[in-house]
Protein backbone atom coordinates (compact mmCIF):
# COMPACT_ATOMS: atom_id res chain seq x y z
CA MET A 1 13.47 15.85 37.82
CA PHE A 2 14.92 13.63 40.53
CA LYS A 3 13.26 10.33 41.31
CA ASN A 4 14.46 8.35 44.33
CA THR A 5 13.09 6.01 46.94
CA GLY A 6 15.07 7.80 49.66
CA LYS A 7 17.28 4.76 50.26
CA PHE A 8 20.09 5.34 47.75
CA LEU A 9 22.42 8.10 46.63
CA LEU A 10 23.69 8.78 43.14
CA ILE A 11 27.37 7.84 43.33
CA THR A 12 29.61 9.99 41.15
CA THR A 13 33.10 9.54 42.65
CA PRO A 14 35.74 9.76 39.85
CA ILE A 15 37.39 6.41 39.16
CA ILE A 16 40.27 5.46 36.83
CA LEU A 17 38.94 4.03 33.56
CA LEU A 18 39.31 0.26 33.28
CA LEU A 19 40.09 -1.51 30.02
CA ALA A 20 36.95 -2.83 28.30
CA LEU A 21 36.87 -6.23 26.70
CA SER A 22 36.66 -6.20 22.91
CA PHE A 23 33.72 -7.92 21.23
CA ASN A 24 32.84 -7.82 17.55
CA SER A 25 29.12 -7.10 17.34
CA ALA A 26 29.04 -6.44 13.58
CA GLN A 27 26.23 -8.21 11.78
CA ALA A 28 26.82 -10.20 8.61
CA ILE A 29 23.27 -11.02 7.52
CA THR A 30 20.56 -8.42 6.96
CA SER A 31 16.78 -8.72 7.11
CA THR A 32 13.80 -6.43 6.67
CA GLY A 33 11.87 -7.91 9.57
CA ILE A 34 10.81 -10.79 11.79
CA THR A 35 7.30 -11.57 13.03
CA ILE A 36 5.72 -14.07 15.43
CA THR A 37 2.58 -15.31 13.70
CA GLY A 38 1.21 -17.91 16.14
CA GLY A 39 2.00 -21.30 17.55
CA ALA A 40 0.73 -24.16 19.70
CA ASP A 41 1.21 -25.82 23.06
CA ASN A 42 1.32 -29.46 22.01
CA VAL A 43 0.85 -31.07 25.44
CA GLY A 44 -0.86 -28.27 27.36
CA ASP A 45 1.85 -27.38 29.89
CA CYS A 46 3.19 -24.25 28.11
CA GLY A 47 6.68 -25.48 27.44
CA VAL A 48 7.43 -27.33 30.67
CA THR A 49 7.83 -30.43 28.50
CA PHE A 50 10.84 -29.61 26.35
CA GLY A 51 10.20 -29.26 22.63
CA GLN A 52 6.42 -29.18 22.93
CA LEU A 53 5.87 -25.42 22.70
CA ASN A 54 5.82 -24.44 19.03
CA ILE A 55 6.27 -20.81 18.03
CA ASN A 56 5.57 -19.83 14.43
CA VAL A 57 7.84 -17.11 13.06
CA THR A 58 8.38 -15.54 9.64
CA ILE A 59 11.59 -13.78 8.60
CA GLN A 60 11.57 -11.41 5.65
CA ASN A 61 14.36 -10.93 3.08
CA VAL A 62 17.33 -12.52 4.82
CA LEU A 63 20.45 -11.61 2.80
CA GLY A 64 23.60 -13.69 3.27
CA THR A 65 26.86 -11.73 3.13
CA ALA A 66 29.52 -13.75 5.00
CA ASN A 67 30.77 -17.30 4.43
CA ASP A 68 30.49 -18.58 8.02
CA SER A 69 30.35 -22.29 7.36
CA GLY A 70 33.04 -22.70 4.71
CA ALA A 71 30.32 -24.03 2.39
CA GLY A 72 29.23 -20.65 1.01
CA GLU A 73 26.54 -20.17 3.64
CA ASP A 74 25.85 -17.42 6.16
CA GLU A 75 24.63 -18.88 9.46
CA PHE A 76 22.12 -17.35 11.86
CA PHE A 77 19.54 -18.32 14.44
CA VAL A 78 16.24 -17.08 15.85
CA ALA A 79 15.89 -16.94 19.63
CA VAL A 80 12.58 -16.36 21.39
CA PHE A 81 12.47 -14.67 24.81
CA ASP A 82 9.79 -13.83 27.34
CA THR A 83 9.72 -10.46 29.12
CA MET A 84 11.91 -11.84 31.92
CA GLY A 85 14.66 -12.61 29.40
CA LYS A 86 14.09 -16.38 29.48
CA HIS A 87 15.25 -18.15 26.31
CA ILE A 88 12.17 -20.21 25.46
CA GLY A 89 12.61 -21.11 21.78
CA ASN A 90 15.28 -21.44 19.12
CA TRP A 91 15.80 -22.20 15.44
CA ILE A 92 19.12 -22.46 13.54
CA ASP A 93 19.49 -22.04 9.77
CA ASN A 94 21.63 -20.49 7.04
CA VAL A 95 21.28 -18.55 3.82
CA VAL A 96 23.52 -18.93 0.77
CA VAL A 97 25.91 -15.98 0.51
CA GLY A 98 24.71 -13.44 -2.05
CA THR A 99 21.09 -14.63 -2.03
CA THR A 100 17.97 -13.34 -0.30
CA GLN A 101 15.43 -15.73 1.21
CA ASN A 102 12.26 -15.66 3.29
CA PHE A 103 11.87 -18.18 6.09
CA ALA A 104 8.78 -19.60 7.78
CA ILE A 105 9.43 -21.35 11.11
CA THR A 106 6.61 -23.62 12.22
CA ALA A 107 8.20 -25.26 15.27
CA SER A 108 11.00 -23.23 16.80
CA ASN A 109 11.63 -25.16 20.00
CA PHE A 110 12.81 -28.46 18.53
CA VAL A 111 16.59 -28.48 19.05
CA THR A 112 18.52 -29.37 22.18
CA ILE A 113 19.70 -25.90 23.19
CA PRO A 114 21.06 -25.86 26.77
CA SER A 115 19.63 -22.42 27.59
CA ILE A 116 15.99 -23.07 26.65
CA THR A 117 13.48 -23.00 29.51
CA ALA A 118 9.71 -22.83 29.84
CA PRO A 119 8.28 -19.30 29.56
CA THR A 120 7.59 -17.37 32.76
CA THR A 121 5.39 -14.71 31.11
CA ARG A 122 2.71 -14.83 28.41
CA THR A 123 4.35 -12.08 26.37
CA ILE A 124 7.24 -13.15 24.10
CA ARG A 125 9.45 -11.72 21.39
CA ALA A 126 11.71 -13.17 18.67
CA ALA A 127 15.20 -11.95 17.79
CA LEU A 128 17.13 -12.70 14.59
CA ILE A 129 20.79 -13.08 15.58
CA ASP A 130 23.89 -13.38 13.41
CA SER A 131 26.23 -16.12 14.61
CA PRO A 132 29.29 -17.62 12.91
CA ASP A 133 29.50 -21.41 13.04
CA VAL A 134 26.50 -21.75 15.35
CA ASN A 135 25.28 -25.07 16.75
CA ASP A 136 23.17 -26.31 19.65
CA ASN A 137 25.98 -25.93 22.17
CA THR A 138 27.29 -22.52 21.05
CA VAL A 139 23.90 -20.74 20.90
CA PRO A 140 24.02 -19.57 24.57
CA GLY A 141 27.24 -17.67 23.86
CA TYR A 142 25.52 -15.59 21.17
CA LEU A 143 22.18 -14.92 22.90
CA ASN A 144 23.12 -11.41 24.00
CA ASN A 145 24.50 -10.29 20.62
CA ALA A 146 22.75 -7.22 19.29
CA PRO A 147 19.96 -8.65 17.09
CA VAL A 148 19.70 -8.05 13.35
CA ALA A 149 15.93 -7.67 13.78
CA THR A 150 13.37 -8.13 16.55
CA SER A 151 9.67 -8.88 16.35
CA GLY A 152 6.85 -7.14 18.11
CA TRP A 153 5.60 -8.55 21.42
CA PHE A 154 3.18 -11.48 21.10
CA ASP A 155 0.81 -12.90 23.72
CA ILE A 156 0.83 -16.74 23.85
CA GLY A 157 -2.17 -16.84 26.23
CA GLY A 158 -4.28 -18.38 23.48
CA PHE A 159 -2.01 -21.41 23.08
CA SER A 160 -3.37 -23.25 26.14
CA ALA A 161 -4.86 -22.78 29.60
CA ALA A 162 -1.37 -23.18 31.07
CA CYS A 163 -0.04 -20.36 28.90
CA ALA A 164 -3.06 -18.16 29.71
CA ALA A 165 -2.33 -18.61 33.44
CA LEU A 166 1.12 -17.01 33.14
CA PRO A 167 1.54 -13.31 34.06
CA ALA A 168 1.59 -10.91 31.13
CA GLY A 169 5.01 -9.51 32.12
CA SER A 170 6.15 -6.86 34.56
CA ILE A 171 7.05 -3.23 33.88
CA PRO A 172 9.70 -1.50 36.07
CA ALA A 173 8.19 0.91 38.59
CA GLY A 174 9.12 4.58 38.28
CA SER A 175 10.42 4.23 34.73
CA GLY A 176 7.72 6.22 32.97
CA ILE A 177 6.91 3.17 30.84
CA LYS A 178 3.29 3.03 29.78
CA GLU A 179 1.19 -0.11 30.15
CA GLY A 180 1.66 -2.25 27.06
CA ASP A 181 4.90 -0.44 26.14
CA LEU A 182 7.51 -3.20 26.30
CA PRO A 183 11.28 -3.21 25.64
CA PRO A 184 12.62 -4.08 22.18
CA ASP A 185 14.55 -7.10 23.49
CA ASN A 186 15.58 -8.70 26.79
CA ARG A 187 17.48 -5.67 28.08
CA LEU A 188 17.35 -4.96 31.80
CA ASN A 189 17.77 -1.16 32.09
CA TRP A 190 15.02 -0.13 29.69
CA HIS A 191 14.40 3.64 30.06
CA PHE A 192 17.39 3.87 32.43
CA GLY A 193 20.18 5.02 30.11
CA ASP A 194 19.76 2.29 27.51
CA GLY A 195 18.94 4.78 24.76
CA SER A 196 22.05 6.93 25.07
CA VAL A 197 24.72 5.37 27.33
CA ALA A 198 24.64 1.58 27.49
CA VAL A 199 22.36 -1.44 27.47
CA LEU A 200 22.51 -4.01 30.26
CA TYR A 201 21.67 -7.57 29.23
CA PRO A 202 21.18 -10.70 31.35
CA ARG A 203 23.57 -13.59 30.85
CA GLY A 204 21.06 -16.16 32.08
CA THR A 205 20.62 -15.56 35.81
CA GLU A 206 24.33 -15.82 36.60
CA ALA A 207 25.81 -12.57 35.28
CA VAL A 208 25.11 -9.39 33.29
CA ASP A 209 26.66 -8.12 30.05
CA VAL A 210 26.77 -4.55 28.75
CA TYR A 211 26.65 -2.97 25.28
CA ILE A 212 28.30 0.49 25.20
CA HIS A 213 26.90 2.95 22.64
CA ASP A 214 29.96 5.26 22.50
CA THR A 215 32.40 2.53 21.48
CA GLN A 216 29.93 -0.04 20.10
CA GLN A 217 31.55 -2.59 22.40
CA TYR A 218 29.76 -5.60 23.80
CA VAL A 219 31.36 -6.54 27.15
CA PRO A 220 30.33 -10.02 28.32
CA ASN A 221 30.37 -10.90 32.02
CA PHE A 222 30.44 -7.24 33.08
CA VAL A 223 29.42 -8.37 36.57
CA THR A 224 29.55 -12.01 37.68
CA PRO A 225 28.91 -14.03 40.85
CA ASP A 226 32.68 -14.13 41.39
CA ASP A 227 32.72 -10.33 41.64
CA LEU A 228 30.10 -10.49 44.40
CA GLU A 229 31.32 -13.55 46.28
CA VAL A 230 33.35 -11.63 48.87
CA TYR A 231 30.22 -9.61 49.77
CA ALA A 232 27.86 -12.57 50.17
CA ASP A 233 26.14 -12.08 53.56
CA ASN A 234 28.84 -9.49 54.22
CA PRO A 235 27.96 -6.16 52.52
CA PRO A 236 30.62 -3.42 52.64
CA GLU A 237 30.55 -0.66 55.24
CA GLN A 238 30.49 1.90 52.45
CA ASN A 239 29.27 1.78 48.84
CA THR A 240 32.14 0.20 46.89
CA LEU A 241 33.02 0.42 43.20
CA LEU A 242 33.18 -2.95 41.43
CA ARG A 243 33.93 -1.75 37.90
CA LYS A 244 33.88 1.34 35.69
CA VAL A 245 34.04 1.53 31.89
CA GLY A 246 33.40 4.85 30.17
CA ARG A 247 30.18 6.35 31.49
CA ILE A 248 29.06 3.15 33.23
CA ALA A 249 29.97 2.34 36.82
CA VAL A 250 28.73 -0.48 39.04
CA TYR A 251 28.81 -0.54 42.84
CA ILE A 252 28.01 -2.95 45.64
CA LEU A 253 25.94 -1.03 48.18
CA THR A 254 25.90 -1.26 51.95
CA THR A 255 22.48 -2.90 51.54
CA GLY A 256 24.08 -5.72 49.51
CA GLN A 257 22.34 -4.51 46.36
CA ILE A 258 24.07 -3.87 43.02
CA GLN A 259 23.90 -0.35 41.59
CA PHE A 260 24.67 0.64 37.98
CA ASN A 261 25.24 4.32 37.15
CA PHE A 262 24.72 5.37 33.51
CA GLY A 263 25.80 8.83 32.36
CA PRO A 264 25.86 11.70 32.29
CA ASP A 265 24.76 11.88 28.67
CA VAL A 266 25.20 14.96 26.45
CA GLU A 267 22.20 16.61 28.19
CA GLY A 268 23.56 15.89 31.66
CA LYS A 269 21.02 13.17 32.42
CA GLU A 270 22.08 10.33 34.72
CA TRP A 271 20.33 7.05 35.45
CA VAL A 272 20.64 4.62 38.35
CA PHE A 273 19.61 1.00 37.92
CA ILE A 274 19.50 -1.10 41.09
CA MET A 275 19.31 -4.88 41.33
CA ASP A 276 18.71 -6.91 44.49
CA GLY A 277 20.81 -9.67 42.89
CA LEU A 278 21.98 -10.72 39.43
CA ASP A 279 18.64 -12.46 38.87
CA ASP A 280 16.55 -9.37 39.73
CA ARG A 281 14.45 -8.08 36.81
CA GLN A 282 12.06 -5.63 38.50
CA ALA A 283 14.11 -2.38 38.88
CA GLU A 284 11.67 -1.05 41.45
CA ASP A 285 14.38 1.00 43.26
CA SER A 286 15.83 2.57 40.10
CA TYR A 287 15.67 6.30 39.41
CA TYR A 288 17.13 9.09 37.25
CA PHE A 289 18.34 12.70 37.44
CA ASP A 290 17.61 15.27 34.74
CA PRO A 291 19.20 18.69 35.42
CA ASN A 292 16.94 20.24 32.78
CA GLU A 293 13.71 19.52 34.69
């Protein structure tokens, strides 16, 4: 089945493979699960006042396996995101190597992490992330690591009137995603090749990263503002390749939009994910091609 808005073409011009950046995404710690259990909006503005939105989280059976700190401890952190990928809460801790512990977080937004912002949607999720030698300043560099475990989605509307007034979270049009069916983390291209080709992650609002399934590579800064600068208010006369790695290609379109092609996969399926800009999270112009339908 072919789904298209009529405005874009699937670009499949062969391009020479570019060298991917190497990133070690291996996890040291393990865990059987993470759960958001509740929380509170201490001052009633749903996190606008920094450190006043508390998010209660439990982590089950965290096993330390690597000596990150030099003191026999395996370091990790918990990051909390809304459905727009905003980093709204954080908690840093460690587990002694060779031991298993359970953790109960009762106030996760209490450290000075540069990337934390107020939530933009009511629905949030927690991710347990392995991170060597992590501290307040280095957390943003690890936010897009593949998580060790992720929680289910949790609605903070009951925390305060300000939280209840936030939108529940948007679902990309044309993706086949059912109402209430939300992505497992803050990935952008959910249902557009993320299950078999690659996962596109936001790096704040300034760039996008990609995780490639075939090679298990995490490529930070896959597309950045510097890549797009020459096309600002000056889109190309023809759709132009920006970068290609494996089965992922990204183009700048004549409309000024950014198009990611994922595939084909082993079944011949191809997905197209289109962003109006690097801060676009809606995917309303995205589509896919399945030769078997």
